[in-house]
């Protein structure tokens, strides 16, 4: 598979991953957290082409790949040893139709000859029930139905069905179109429908990108990151997935294989903040409604993670039918973290909702009624800020009073005080300010190591973790507070490995970390900017850009020794870090020329 050399396509209903040779190796249906009908990414070593949608070029020698400029439309070109070539265009339709955004459960694949007389075999071999079953097949004059699991998928095409069903070689003489979607009749010829979808989807993405507030420098990198964040949002509910995959290990053979196809409130806040800075208010506003609905309907306590539907349960299990990425299982479905106490989420929820009170672009701004719905979150935060939890890193075998969680509880109360002031609710502003000040004093007393001049990872603790780099970003410490500079210096000494910052250095319940969590290095860059070490920050940022895959995407982790990407993909956290740092480091447009 290589160094996660994958491209992502999608339309905010479904998404798919395409490898460097144009194979569709991952796609969950009917939505991003569904059954992977294309699961070849996690079944390497199994039957050839099983769980993939493959276009195999006879006598293949090389491939090249790129996105159509400023879109989520992926183009792969395959070349054979005689100079013949084919082009594969992959996308999921997203366009404006009938006064609404049209985003069906559909992928479009168009294959056309570029040179010579290319001979191809098209293998369409979906799986269901997490790789454990092969769908049964029925077909008509121009379509094939794959019936299995809880879903029937139909492929409508102008290709020969016999060659497709039997994987026979075909000389590609004209363009072929494949419409893979729900079991519904397609109105019109497949080629005409595919061509119209391509034009309309291209127009949609060009318009969306046109209105982004991007920095002058690193524009292509920021645009690609922004489109990727957009694809990670599930329009129907507003939820944002942490990544589109499950069980790509954080490090080789580490068994740190987790299912990230869900909505973490913490991660999603950072996504919202990045999109807000770019001016992508539509995605932000939908997510804010998702989070407000959770806060209003789930009782007093919030979970750290929910399904993209908003459902609370996601029991964790193992999929025995899949071998895992590069054969490194297990493949997990669901995530037991939903049962954990992670006390930082109350601050994340209030921070996200805060946009509704202060962003004048939003159609439905926050009011006193919304503020009253948020206040119970502040009450919980003030109760649990000094209580043990699993923390931001979701430790499964140990708990502590984690400093980041405590600071985020302070954030909940601090921001409620600011919202109350904004709404001219003076008594409530005083109430929440008193809570925040009391909590801050306790945190500074119990989480700061005066002998070492640094905040530590937990009350009365002795270890460090990278989340402490956010103390200034969250408004807990001023940039010129010597305690912030001392904390950054301590992290540089203990957690920096080459160019990268590790989450923590000590062993957890699965051993010592082997790779660097990408977002932590971006947090470090932000801290350097706050400390007015901009030249260092800029140099490190540009080095980090070199670790993106050939299509400009990042996963969760990087091996500092090899530069190889690991972890679930594409990781929203990582793309957020790229955007935030680019916005802060770029020369302003006014002085760009």
Protein backbone atom coordinates (compact mmCIF):
# COMPACT_ATOMS: atom_id res chain seq x y z
CA UNK A 1 0.00 0.00 0.00
CA UNK A 2 2.95 2.34 0.51
CA UNK A 3 3.09 5.32 2.81
CA UNK A 4 -0.67 5.86 2.97
CA UNK A 5 -0.53 7.21 -0.58
CA UNK A 6 -4.28 7.56 -0.70
CA UNK A 7 -6.66 10.16 -2.04
CA UNK A 8 -10.07 10.89 -0.56
CA UNK A 9 -13.27 11.64 -2.44
CA UNK A 10 -16.69 12.31 -0.95
CA UNK A 11 -19.75 14.51 -0.78
CA UNK A 12 -20.55 14.83 2.96
CA UNK A 13 -22.76 11.73 2.82
CA UNK A 14 -20.25 9.09 1.74
CA UNK A 15 -16.51 9.03 1.21
CA UNK A 16 -13.97 6.70 -0.37
CA UNK A 17 -10.21 6.23 -0.43
CA UNK A 18 -8.40 5.64 -3.73
CA UNK A 19 -4.86 4.27 -3.79
CA UNK A 20 -2.01 5.43 -6.01
CA UNK A 21 -2.97 2.97 -8.78
CA UNK A 22 -6.59 4.08 -8.85
CA UNK A 23 -8.06 1.23 -6.79
CA UNK A 24 -11.00 2.16 -4.59
CA UNK A 25 -9.89 0.40 -1.40
CA UNK A 26 -12.18 1.88 1.25
CA UNK A 27 -15.78 3.08 1.18
CA UNK A 28 -18.44 2.71 3.86
CA UNK A 29 -22.13 2.64 3.00
CA UNK A 30 -24.72 4.02 3.35
CA UNK A 31 -22.72 6.68 5.22
CA UNK A 32 -19.21 7.24 6.58
CA UNK A 33 -19.65 5.05 9.68
CA UNK A 34 -21.37 2.20 7.82
CA UNK A 35 -20.31 -1.22 6.55
CA UNK A 36 -17.18 -1.00 4.34
CA UNK A 37 -18.36 -2.35 1.00
CA UNK A 38 -14.86 -1.67 -0.23
CA UNK A 39 -12.55 -2.88 2.50
CA UNK A 40 -9.37 -3.88 0.65
CA UNK A 41 -7.41 -1.31 2.67
CA UNK A 42 -7.83 -3.54 5.72
CA UNK A 43 -7.60 -6.91 4.02
CA UNK A 44 -4.17 -6.99 2.42
CA UNK A 45 -2.85 -10.50 1.96
CA UNK A 46 -6.29 -11.78 1.12
CA UNK A 47 -7.77 -12.63 -2.27
CA UNK A 48 -6.45 -10.35 -5.03
CA UNK A 49 -8.76 -7.34 -5.65
CA UNK A 50 -11.27 -8.54 -3.05
CA UNK A 51 -13.04 -5.60 -1.45
CA UNK A 52 -11.89 -3.18 -4.14
CA UNK A 53 -13.03 -1.45 -7.31
CA UNK A 54 -9.95 -1.92 -9.51
CA UNK A 55 -9.01 -0.84 -13.00
CA UNK A 56 -6.03 -3.01 -13.89
CA UNK A 57 -3.99 -1.90 -16.91
CA UNK A 58 -2.22 -4.69 -18.77
CA UNK A 59 1.59 -4.28 -18.77
CA UNK A 60 1.31 -1.47 -16.25
CA UNK A 61 4.54 0.43 -15.52
CA UNK A 62 3.66 3.65 -13.71
CA UNK A 63 0.89 5.90 -12.42
CA UNK A 64 0.38 9.55 -11.62
CA UNK A 65 -2.36 11.17 -9.60
CA UNK A 66 -3.73 14.61 -8.82
CA UNK A 67 -6.90 16.41 -7.82
CA UNK A 68 -8.67 18.61 -10.31
CA UNK A 69 -7.71 22.06 -9.07
CA UNK A 70 -9.74 23.26 -6.08
CA UNK A 71 -12.05 20.23 -6.04
CA UNK A 72 -12.54 16.86 -4.39
CA UNK A 73 -12.36 15.17 -7.82
CA UNK A 74 -9.43 12.77 -8.13
CA UNK A 75 -7.68 11.95 -11.41
CA UNK A 76 -5.44 8.87 -11.78
CA UNK A 77 -3.49 8.12 -14.94
CA UNK A 78 -2.08 4.67 -15.64
CA UNK A 79 0.63 3.98 -18.24
CA UNK A 80 1.75 0.69 -19.80
CA UNK A 81 5.17 -0.25 -21.15
CA UNK A 82 4.15 0.47 -24.74
CA UNK A 83 3.04 4.04 -24.08
CA UNK A 84 -0.71 3.38 -23.88
CA UNK A 85 -2.51 5.20 -21.08
CA UNK A 86 -5.88 5.50 -19.37
CA UNK A 87 -7.35 8.17 -17.15
CA UNK A 88 -9.66 7.43 -14.21
CA UNK A 89 -11.77 10.23 -12.74
CA UNK A 90 -13.34 9.54 -9.34
CA UNK A 91 -15.76 11.67 -7.34
CA UNK A 92 -18.96 11.68 -5.34
CA UNK A 93 -21.61 14.01 -6.77
CA UNK A 94 -22.27 17.19 -4.81
CA UNK A 95 -24.13 20.02 -6.47
CA UNK A 96 -27.09 22.36 -6.18
CA UNK A 97 -30.35 20.98 -7.54
CA UNK A 98 -33.98 21.90 -6.95
CA UNK A 99 -33.07 24.55 -4.39
CA UNK A 100 -31.01 22.21 -2.20
CA UNK A 101 -27.63 20.54 -2.02
CA UNK A 102 -27.76 17.20 -3.82
CA UNK A 103 -25.39 14.70 -2.20
CA UNK A 104 -26.52 11.14 -2.95
CA UNK A 105 -25.01 7.89 -1.70
CA UNK A 106 -23.11 7.57 -4.95
CA UNK A 107 -19.63 7.34 -6.44
CA UNK A 108 -18.93 8.12 -10.08
CA UNK A 109 -15.98 6.53 -11.89
CA UNK A 110 -15.15 7.56 -15.48
CA UNK A 111 -12.43 5.75 -17.44
CA UNK A 112 -11.16 6.99 -20.79
CA UNK A 113 -8.23 6.17 -23.09
CA UNK A 114 -5.47 8.75 -23.26
CA UNK A 115 -3.00 7.14 -25.66
CA UNK A 116 -2.48 3.97 -27.65
CA UNK A 117 -4.70 0.92 -27.27
CA UNK A 118 -4.79 0.24 -23.51
CA UNK A 119 -6.07 -3.13 -22.36
CA UNK A 120 -7.85 -3.06 -19.00
CA UNK A 121 -9.67 -5.40 -16.66
CA UNK A 122 -12.25 -3.88 -14.35
CA UNK A 123 -12.74 -5.77 -11.09
CA UNK A 124 -15.72 -4.72 -9.00
CA UNK A 125 -15.70 -6.92 -5.91
CA UNK A 126 -17.55 -5.39 -2.96
CA UNK A 127 -17.84 -7.16 0.36
CA UNK A 128 -20.35 -6.79 3.17
CA UNK A 129 -20.65 -7.63 6.87
CA UNK A 130 -17.14 -6.31 7.48
CA UNK A 131 -15.47 -8.46 4.88
CA UNK A 132 -17.21 -11.59 6.09
CA UNK A 133 -19.63 -12.02 3.19
CA UNK A 134 -19.78 -11.70 -0.59
CA UNK A 135 -22.92 -10.01 -1.92
CA UNK A 136 -25.07 -12.01 -4.28
CA UNK A 137 -25.36 -10.66 -7.81
CA UNK A 138 -28.27 -9.98 -10.12
CA UNK A 139 -28.14 -7.86 -13.26
CA UNK A 140 -30.18 -6.24 -15.99
CA UNK A 141 -29.38 -4.74 -19.38
CA UNK A 142 -27.09 -1.99 -18.10
CA UNK A 143 -26.73 -2.53 -14.37
CA UNK A 144 -25.52 -4.99 -11.75
CA UNK A 145 -27.06 -5.32 -8.30
CA UNK A 146 -24.95 -6.43 -5.33
CA UNK A 147 -27.27 -7.75 -2.62
CA UNK A 148 -25.83 -8.37 0.81
CA UNK A 149 -25.88 -7.28 4.42
CA UNK A 150 -28.49 -4.60 5.03
CA UNK A 151 -27.96 -2.85 1.72
CA UNK A 152 -28.31 -3.42 -2.00
CA UNK A 153 -25.93 -1.46 -4.19
CA UNK A 154 -26.46 -0.92 -7.90
CA UNK A 155 -23.81 -0.16 -10.51
CA UNK A 156 -25.19 1.40 -13.66
CA UNK A 157 -22.75 1.49 -16.55
CA UNK A 158 -22.22 1.71 -20.29
CA UNK A 159 -19.44 -0.90 -20.03
CA UNK A 160 -19.98 -4.47 -21.13
CA UNK A 161 -21.51 -6.39 -18.24
CA UNK A 162 -19.94 -9.73 -19.16
CA UNK A 163 -16.42 -8.29 -19.07
CA UNK A 164 -17.21 -6.62 -15.75
CA UNK A 165 -18.78 -9.70 -14.15
CA UNK A 166 -16.00 -12.02 -15.25
CA UNK A 167 -13.04 -9.62 -15.08
CA UNK A 168 -12.23 -10.09 -18.77
CA UNK A 169 -9.60 -7.99 -20.59
CA UNK A 170 -11.00 -5.22 -22.77
CA UNK A 171 -9.36 -2.85 -25.23
CA UNK A 172 -10.47 0.58 -24.01
CA UNK A 173 -11.62 2.44 -27.12
CA UNK A 174 -14.05 4.93 -25.63
CA UNK A 175 -14.96 6.45 -22.31
CA UNK A 176 -16.76 4.24 -19.78
CA UNK A 177 -18.85 5.46 -16.88
CA UNK A 178 -19.77 3.63 -13.68
CA UNK A 179 -22.44 5.01 -11.33
CA UNK A 180 -22.26 3.14 -8.03
CA UNK A 181 -25.11 3.98 -5.70
CA UNK A 182 -28.49 2.99 -4.30
CA UNK A 183 -30.67 0.33 -5.88
CA UNK A 184 -32.59 2.83 -7.99
CA UNK A 185 -33.08 3.30 -11.72
CA UNK A 186 -30.82 5.97 -13.18
CA UNK A 187 -32.69 8.36 -15.42
CA UNK A 188 -30.66 8.79 -18.61
CA UNK A 189 -27.63 7.18 -20.16
CA UNK A 190 -24.80 6.46 -17.73
CA UNK A 191 -22.30 8.53 -19.70
CA UNK A 192 -24.59 11.54 -19.90
CA UNK A 193 -25.43 11.36 -16.21
CA UNK A 194 -21.77 11.00 -15.24
CA UNK A 195 -20.76 13.90 -17.45
CA UNK A 196 -23.43 16.17 -15.98
CA UNK A 197 -22.50 15.21 -12.43
CA UNK A 198 -18.83 15.93 -13.15
CA UNK A 199 -19.58 19.40 -14.48
CA UNK A 200 -21.95 20.28 -11.66
CA UNK A 201 -19.66 18.88 -8.94
CA UNK A 202 -16.70 20.79 -10.35
CA UNK A 203 -18.76 23.98 -10.28
CA UNK A 204 -19.83 23.33 -6.69
CA UNK A 205 -16.27 22.93 -5.39
CA UNK A 206 -14.96 25.92 -7.34
CA UNK A 207 -17.66 28.11 -5.81
CA UNK A 208 -17.04 26.75 -2.32
CA UNK A 209 -13.29 27.37 -2.50
CA UNK A 210 -13.76 30.82 -4.01
CA UNK A 211 -15.27 32.15 -0.81
CA UNK A 212 -12.66 30.76 1.59
CA UNK A 213 -10.62 33.32 3.50
CA UNK A 214 -7.24 31.71 2.82
CA UNK A 215 -3.75 33.05 3.65
CA UNK A 216 -1.47 34.44 0.94
CA UNK A 217 1.18 31.77 1.46
CA UNK A 218 0.69 28.01 1.18
CA UNK A 219 -2.66 28.46 -0.56
CA UNK A 220 -2.77 25.05 -2.24
CA UNK A 221 -1.97 23.27 1.04
CA UNK A 222 -4.66 25.17 2.92
CA UNK A 223 -7.28 24.65 0.20
CA UNK A 224 -6.63 20.90 0.14
CA UNK A 225 -6.84 20.75 3.94
CA UNK A 226 -10.07 22.77 3.93
CA UNK A 227 -11.71 20.52 1.32
CA UNK A 228 -10.67 17.49 3.37
CA UNK A 229 -12.26 18.94 6.50
CA UNK A 230 -15.40 19.65 4.51
CA UNK A 231 -15.52 16.02 3.34
CA UNK A 232 -15.27 14.90 6.98
CA UNK A 233 -18.60 16.54 7.83
CA UNK A 234 -21.83 14.55 7.62
CA UNK A 235 -24.30 17.10 6.29
CA UNK A 236 -27.45 15.36 7.43
CA UNK A 237 -26.74 15.91 11.14
CA UNK A 238 -23.75 18.27 11.18
CA UNK A 239 -21.42 15.73 12.82
CA UNK A 240 -17.73 15.71 11.91
CA UNK A 241 -15.79 12.45 11.86
CA UNK A 242 -12.28 12.33 13.31
CA UNK A 243 -11.13 10.28 10.29
CA UNK A 244 -12.73 8.17 7.59
CA UNK A 245 -11.08 4.89 8.57
CA UNK A 246 -10.83 2.42 11.37
CA UNK A 247 -7.87 0.41 12.62
CA UNK A 248 -4.95 1.81 10.67
CA UNK A 249 -2.42 1.31 13.48
CA UNK A 250 -0.69 4.26 15.10
CA UNK A 251 2.58 2.40 14.71
CA UNK A 252 3.57 -0.93 13.11
CA UNK A 253 2.26 -3.94 15.05
CA UNK A 254 1.32 -1.70 17.98
CA UNK A 255 -2.32 -2.93 18.24
CA UNK A 256 -3.19 0.76 18.74
CA UNK A 257 -5.94 0.22 16.19
CA UNK A 258 -9.03 2.33 16.82
CA UNK A 259 -12.23 3.18 14.97
CA UNK A 260 -12.27 6.94 14.25
CA UNK A 261 -15.39 7.17 12.06
CA UNK A 262 -17.30 9.02 14.77
CA UNK A 263 -17.72 12.52 16.12
CA UNK A 264 -15.42 13.46 18.99
CA UNK A 265 -16.63 16.69 20.57
CA UNK A 266 -13.04 17.73 21.30
CA UNK A 267 -11.72 17.17 17.77
CA UNK A 268 -14.77 18.73 16.20
CA UNK A 269 -14.31 21.95 18.15
CA UNK A 270 -10.88 22.38 16.59
CA UNK A 271 -12.38 21.70 13.14
CA UNK A 272 -15.06 24.31 13.73
CA UNK A 273 -12.48 26.85 14.85
CA UNK A 274 -10.43 26.28 11.69
CA UNK A 275 -13.43 26.47 9.37
CA UNK A 276 -14.58 29.63 11.11
CA UNK A 277 -11.25 31.29 10.44
CA UNK A 278 -11.52 30.28 6.78
CA UNK A 279 -15.06 31.63 6.52
CA UNK A 280 -16.72 28.25 5.87
CA UNK A 281 -19.69 29.05 8.05
CA UNK A 282 -22.15 26.52 6.62
CA UNK A 283 -20.30 23.47 7.95
CA UNK A 284 -19.64 25.29 11.20
CA UNK A 285 -23.29 26.20 11.71
CA UNK A 286 -24.51 22.65 11.06
CA UNK A 287 -22.05 21.28 13.61
CA UNK A 288 -23.10 23.85 16.17
CA UNK A 289 -26.68 22.62 15.88
CA UNK A 290 -25.43 19.04 16.32
CA UNK A 291 -23.59 19.92 19.52
CA UNK A 292 -26.41 22.07 20.88
CA UNK A 293 -28.87 19.24 20.29
CA UNK A 294 -26.62 16.85 22.21
CA UNK A 295 -26.26 19.29 25.07
CA UNK A 296 -29.99 19.87 25.21
CA UNK A 297 -31.20 16.28 24.93
CA UNK A 298 -28.60 14.00 26.56
CA UNK A 299 -29.17 14.90 30.18
CA UNK A 300 -26.47 16.25 32.45
CA UNK A 301 -23.45 14.31 31.26
CA UNK A 302 -21.90 14.33 27.82
CA UNK A 303 -19.91 11.54 26.23
CA UNK A 304 -16.60 12.32 24.54
CA UNK A 305 -17.76 10.75 21.28
CA UNK A 306 -21.04 10.02 19.49
CA UNK A 307 -22.13 8.36 16.29
CA UNK A 308 -22.60 10.76 13.41
CA UNK A 309 -26.35 10.26 13.78
CA UNK A 310 -26.09 11.55 17.36
CA UNK A 311 -26.69 8.11 18.87
CA UNK A 312 -24.74 7.46 22.03
CA UNK A 313 -23.87 3.76 21.80
CA UNK A 314 -20.95 2.36 19.82
CA UNK A 315 -19.86 -0.89 21.49
CA UNK A 316 -16.42 -2.01 20.42
CA UNK A 317 -15.91 -5.35 18.70
CA UNK A 318 -13.44 -7.09 16.40
CA UNK A 319 -14.17 -7.80 12.71
CA UNK A 320 -12.79 -11.33 12.16
CA UNK A 321 -13.27 -11.18 8.39
CA UNK A 322 -10.53 -8.57 7.86
CA UNK A 323 -6.78 -9.06 8.38
CA UNK A 324 -5.98 -5.41 8.96
CA UNK A 325 -3.84 -2.74 7.33
CA UNK A 326 -0.74 -4.51 5.96
CA UNK A 327 -1.99 -7.54 7.88
CA UNK A 328 -1.69 -5.70 11.22
CA UNK A 329 -4.96 -6.41 13.02
CA UNK A 330 -7.15 -6.28 14.86
CA UNK A 331 -9.83 -4.42 12.92
CA UNK A 332 -12.08 -2.73 15.45
CA UNK A 333 -15.68 -1.64 14.93
CA UNK A 334 -17.02 0.87 17.41
CA UNK A 335 -15.04 2.65 20.10
CA UNK A 336 -15.17 1.93 23.82
CA UNK A 337 -14.04 5.50 24.53
CA UNK A 338 -17.72 6.49 24.47
CA UNK A 339 -17.99 5.00 27.95
CA UNK A 340 -15.08 6.99 29.37
CA UNK A 341 -15.12 10.10 31.49
CA UNK A 342 -13.24 12.78 29.58
CA UNK A 343 -13.95 15.98 31.44
CA UNK A 344 -12.51 18.33 28.83
CA UNK A 345 -15.56 17.86 26.61
CA UNK A 346 -17.64 20.40 28.55
CA UNK A 347 -15.20 23.12 27.60
CA UNK A 348 -15.15 21.86 24.01
CA UNK A 349 -18.94 22.06 23.79
CA UNK A 350 -19.14 25.58 25.21
CA UNK A 351 -16.25 26.76 23.02
CA UNK A 352 -17.99 25.48 19.92
CA UNK A 353 -21.34 27.00 20.87
CA UNK A 354 -19.66 30.30 21.70
CA UNK A 355 -19.42 31.06 17.98
CA UNK A 356 -23.19 31.37 17.89
CA UNK A 357 -23.07 34.34 20.24
CA UNK A 358 -20.20 36.27 18.69
CA UNK A 359 -20.19 35.46 14.95
CA UNK A 360 -22.41 38.02 13.25
CA UNK A 361 -22.44 36.03 9.98
CA UNK A 362 -24.66 33.28 11.39
CA UNK A 363 -28.32 33.27 10.43
CA UNK A 364 -29.50 32.20 13.88
CA UNK A 365 -27.33 33.84 16.55
CA UNK A 366 -27.23 32.61 20.12
CA UNK A 367 -29.67 34.11 22.61
CA UNK A 368 -30.50 33.83 26.29
CA UNK A 369 -32.45 30.61 25.75
CA UNK A 370 -29.38 28.92 24.27
CA UNK A 371 -27.20 30.30 27.06
CA UNK A 372 -29.53 28.75 29.63
CA UNK A 373 -29.21 25.38 27.88
CA UNK A 374 -25.43 25.62 28.09
CA UNK A 375 -25.28 26.54 31.76
CA UNK A 376 -25.77 22.94 32.98
CA UNK A 377 -22.56 22.05 31.16
CA UNK A 378 -20.78 24.70 33.19
CA UNK A 379 -22.24 23.30 36.39
CA UNK A 380 -20.89 19.85 35.56
CA UNK A 381 -17.51 21.33 34.65
CA UNK A 382 -17.27 23.09 38.00
CA UNK A 383 -18.05 19.80 39.75
CA UNK A 384 -15.63 17.53 37.88
CA UNK A 385 -12.65 19.76 37.12
CA UNK A 386 -10.67 18.26 40.01
CA UNK A 387 -11.88 14.70 39.47
CA UNK A 388 -9.94 11.91 37.68
CA UNK A 389 -10.72 11.01 34.09
CA UNK A 390 -9.20 9.20 31.08
CA UNK A 391 -7.92 12.49 29.67
CA UNK A 392 -7.45 13.82 26.16
CA UNK A 393 -5.39 10.75 25.19
CA UNK A 394 -8.15 8.34 26.27
CA UNK A 395 -6.04 6.11 28.50
CA UNK A 396 -7.78 2.78 28.89
CA UNK A 397 -5.96 1.48 31.94
CA UNK A 398 -5.41 4.50 34.18
CA UNK A 399 -7.04 7.71 35.33
CA UNK A 400 -5.78 10.93 36.88
CA UNK A 401 -6.87 14.54 37.39
CA UNK A 402 -5.50 15.61 34.03
CA UNK A 403 -4.44 19.22 33.72
CA UNK A 404 -5.84 19.65 30.21
CA UNK A 405 -9.24 18.35 31.33
CA UNK A 406 -9.21 20.71 34.31
CA UNK A 407 -8.25 23.68 32.16
CA UNK A 408 -11.04 22.87 29.71
CA UNK A 409 -13.52 22.79 32.59
CA UNK A 410 -12.22 26.24 33.50
CA UNK A 411 -12.74 27.22 29.85
CA UNK A 412 -16.42 26.21 30.10
CA UNK A 413 -17.01 28.54 33.03
CA UNK A 414 -14.79 31.32 31.68
CA UNK A 415 -16.62 31.38 28.34
CA UNK A 416 -20.03 31.25 30.01
CA UNK A 417 -19.01 34.37 31.92
CA UNK A 418 -18.06 36.06 28.65
CA UNK A 419 -21.31 35.03 26.98
CA UNK A 420 -23.32 36.30 29.95
CA UNK A 421 -21.51 39.64 29.75
CA UNK A 422 -22.23 39.81 26.02
CA UNK A 423 -25.93 39.17 26.69
CA UNK A 424 -25.94 41.78 29.52
CA UNK A 425 -26.82 39.11 32.08
CA UNK A 426 -24.72 40.68 34.82
CA UNK A 427 -25.61 38.35 37.73
CA UNK A 428 -24.81 35.26 35.64
CA UNK A 429 -21.56 36.82 34.46
CA UNK A 430 -20.49 37.34 38.06
CA UNK A 431 -21.56 33.80 38.97
CA UNK A 432 -19.52 32.16 36.23
CA UNK A 433 -16.52 34.44 36.70
CA UNK A 434 -16.36 33.46 40.37
CA UNK A 435 -16.45 29.77 39.41
CA UNK A 436 -13.73 30.25 36.80
CA UNK A 437 -11.44 32.23 39.12
CA UNK A 438 -11.77 29.63 41.88
CA UNK A 439 -10.99 26.79 39.49
CA UNK A 440 -8.03 28.59 37.96
CA UNK A 441 -6.45 29.14 41.36
CA UNK A 442 -6.72 25.45 42.21
CA UNK A 443 -5.27 24.38 38.85
CA UNK A 444 -2.31 26.74 39.17
CA UNK A 445 -1.64 25.44 42.67
CA UNK A 446 -1.94 21.73 41.97
CA UNK A 447 -0.78 21.35 38.36
CA UNK A 448 2.28 23.62 38.38
CA UNK A 449 5.68 22.25 39.39
CA UNK A 450 7.50 25.25 40.85
CA UNK A 451 10.81 23.45 41.13
CA UNK A 452 10.88 22.65 37.40
CA UNK A 453 9.06 25.79 36.28
CA UNK A 454 6.47 23.91 34.25
CA UNK A 455 2.89 22.77 34.31
CA UNK A 456 2.59 18.98 34.46
CA UNK A 457 0.12 16.53 32.97
CA UNK A 458 -1.91 15.92 36.14
CA UNK A 459 -2.49 17.36 39.59
CA UNK A 460 0.56 16.63 41.76
CA UNK A 461 2.04 14.85 38.73
CA UNK A 462 5.59 14.62 37.46
CA UNK A 463 5.08 13.90 33.75
CA UNK A 464 4.45 16.15 30.76
CA UNK A 465 2.06 15.88 27.83
CA UNK A 466 1.75 17.93 24.68
CA UNK A 467 -1.73 19.27 25.46
CA UNK A 468 -0.03 21.72 27.84
CA UNK A 469 1.12 23.59 24.73
CA UNK A 470 -2.48 24.84 24.46
CA UNK A 471 -2.49 26.78 27.75
CA UNK A 472 -2.02 30.07 25.91
CA UNK A 473 -4.30 29.15 22.98
CA UNK A 474 -7.12 28.48 25.46
CA UNK A 475 -6.57 31.78 27.26
CA UNK A 476 -5.44 30.17 30.51
CA UNK A 477 -1.95 31.74 30.39
CA UNK A 478 -0.77 34.91 28.71
CA UNK A 479 1.98 34.52 26.14
CA UNK A 480 4.37 36.55 28.32
CA UNK A 481 3.61 34.52 31.45
CA UNK A 482 6.95 32.91 32.40
CA UNK A 483 5.07 29.74 33.33
CA UNK A 484 4.06 29.32 29.70
CA UNK A 485 7.60 29.75 28.41
CA UNK A 486 8.80 27.35 31.10
CA UNK A 487 6.25 24.74 30.09
CA UNK A 488 7.21 25.01 26.41
CA UNK A 489 10.89 24.68 27.31
CA UNK A 490 10.21 21.57 29.40
CA UNK A 491 8.23 19.98 26.57
CA UNK A 492 11.06 20.75 24.14
CA UNK A 493 13.45 18.95 26.46
CA UNK A 494 11.33 15.91 27.25
CA UNK A 495 8.90 15.35 24.36
CA UNK A 496 10.71 16.56 21.25
CA UNK A 497 12.16 13.88 18.98
CA UNK A 498 13.92 15.39 16.00
CA UNK A 499 11.39 17.76 14.42
CA UNK A 500 8.39 16.28 16.19
CA UNK A 501 6.60 16.54 19.52
CA UNK A 502 5.31 13.32 21.10
CA UNK A 503 2.03 13.23 23.00
CA UNK A 504 3.86 11.99 26.09
CA UNK A 505 6.99 9.98 26.76
CA UNK A 506 6.00 7.58 29.51
CA UNK A 507 4.55 4.15 28.90
CA UNK A 508 0.79 3.82 28.98
CA UNK A 509 -1.33 0.68 29.10
CA UNK A 510 -0.05 -0.33 25.62
CA UNK A 511 3.60 0.59 26.15
CA UNK A 512 5.65 3.65 25.26
CA UNK A 513 4.58 5.74 22.23
CA UNK A 514 6.60 4.96 19.09
CA UNK A 515 5.44 7.74 16.77
CA UNK A 516 4.64 11.44 16.88
CA UNK A 517 1.03 12.60 16.93
CA UNK A 518 0.94 15.18 14.11
CA UNK A 519 -1.28 17.76 15.81
CA UNK A 520 1.14 18.03 18.75
CA UNK A 521 3.85 19.42 16.49
CA UNK A 522 1.39 21.95 15.11
CA UNK A 523 0.52 22.94 18.70
CA UNK A 524 4.24 23.43 19.28
CA UNK A 525 4.44 25.69 16.22
CA UNK A 526 1.56 27.75 17.62
CA UNK A 527 3.37 28.02 20.94
CA UNK A 528 6.53 29.22 19.18
CA UNK A 529 4.47 31.90 17.42
CA UNK A 530 3.00 33.03 20.75
CA UNK A 531 6.53 33.26 22.19
CA UNK A 532 7.58 35.40 19.19
CA UNK A 533 9.90 32.69 17.87
CA UNK A 534 8.37 33.04 14.41
CA UNK A 535 11.44 32.14 12.38
CA UNK A 536 11.68 28.78 14.18
CA UNK A 537 7.94 28.26 13.80
CA UNK A 538 8.01 29.02 10.09
CA UNK A 539 10.95 26.71 9.39
CA UNK A 540 9.31 23.84 11.27
CA UNK A 541 5.96 24.42 9.56
CA UNK A 542 7.54 24.20 6.13
CA UNK A 543 9.38 21.01 7.10
CA UNK A 544 6.11 19.49 8.27
CA UNK A 545 4.52 20.21 4.90
CA UNK A 546 7.04 17.85 3.34
CA UNK A 547 5.59 14.92 5.30
CA UNK A 548 2.18 15.14 3.61
CA UNK A 549 1.41 12.39 1.15
CA UNK A 550 1.67 13.16 -2.60
CA UNK A 551 -1.90 14.50 -2.62
CA UNK A 552 -1.36 16.87 0.31
CA UNK A 553 -3.06 14.77 3.00
CA UNK A 554 -2.01 13.76 6.51
CA UNK A 555 -2.88 10.88 8.79
CA UNK A 556 -2.74 10.92 12.58
CA UNK A 557 0.90 9.99 13.21
CA UNK A 558 4.38 10.25 11.72
CA UNK A 559 7.33 7.96 12.38
CA UNK A 560 10.16 10.45 13.03
CA UNK A 561 12.81 7.95 11.92
CA UNK A 562 11.33 7.06 8.53
CA UNK A 563 8.90 9.93 7.90
CA UNK A 564 6.19 7.36 7.25
CA UNK A 565 2.55 8.20 7.93
CA UNK A 566 0.59 6.00 10.33
CA UNK A 567 -2.80 6.10 12.00
CA UNK A 568 -6.30 6.72 10.72
CA UNK A 569 -6.66 8.71 7.56
CA UNK A 570 -7.20 11.47 6.63
CA UNK A 571 -7.04 12.88 10.15
CA UNK A 572 -9.06 16.05 10.73
CA UNK A 573 -6.88 17.07 13.69
CA UNK A 574 -3.79 17.08 11.45
CA UNK A 575 -5.44 19.09 8.67
CA UNK A 576 -6.71 21.60 11.26
CA UNK A 577 -3.19 22.11 12.55
CA UNK A 578 -1.93 22.85 9.04
CA UNK A 579 -4.65 25.45 8.46
CA UNK A 580 -4.25 27.20 11.81
CA UNK A 581 -0.48 27.49 11.53
CA UNK A 582 -0.59 28.67 7.91
CA UNK A 583 -3.06 31.40 8.81
CA UNK A 584 -0.86 32.61 11.66
CA UNK A 585 2.46 32.44 9.83
CA UNK A 586 1.58 33.71 6.37
CA UNK A 587 2.51 37.18 5.21
CA UNK A 588 -0.66 39.28 5.04
CA UNK A 589 -2.20 39.89 1.64
CA UNK A 590 -1.66 43.63 2.06
CA UNK A 591 2.12 43.15 2.11
CA UNK A 592 2.29 40.14 -0.18
CA UNK A 593 3.43 41.81 -3.39
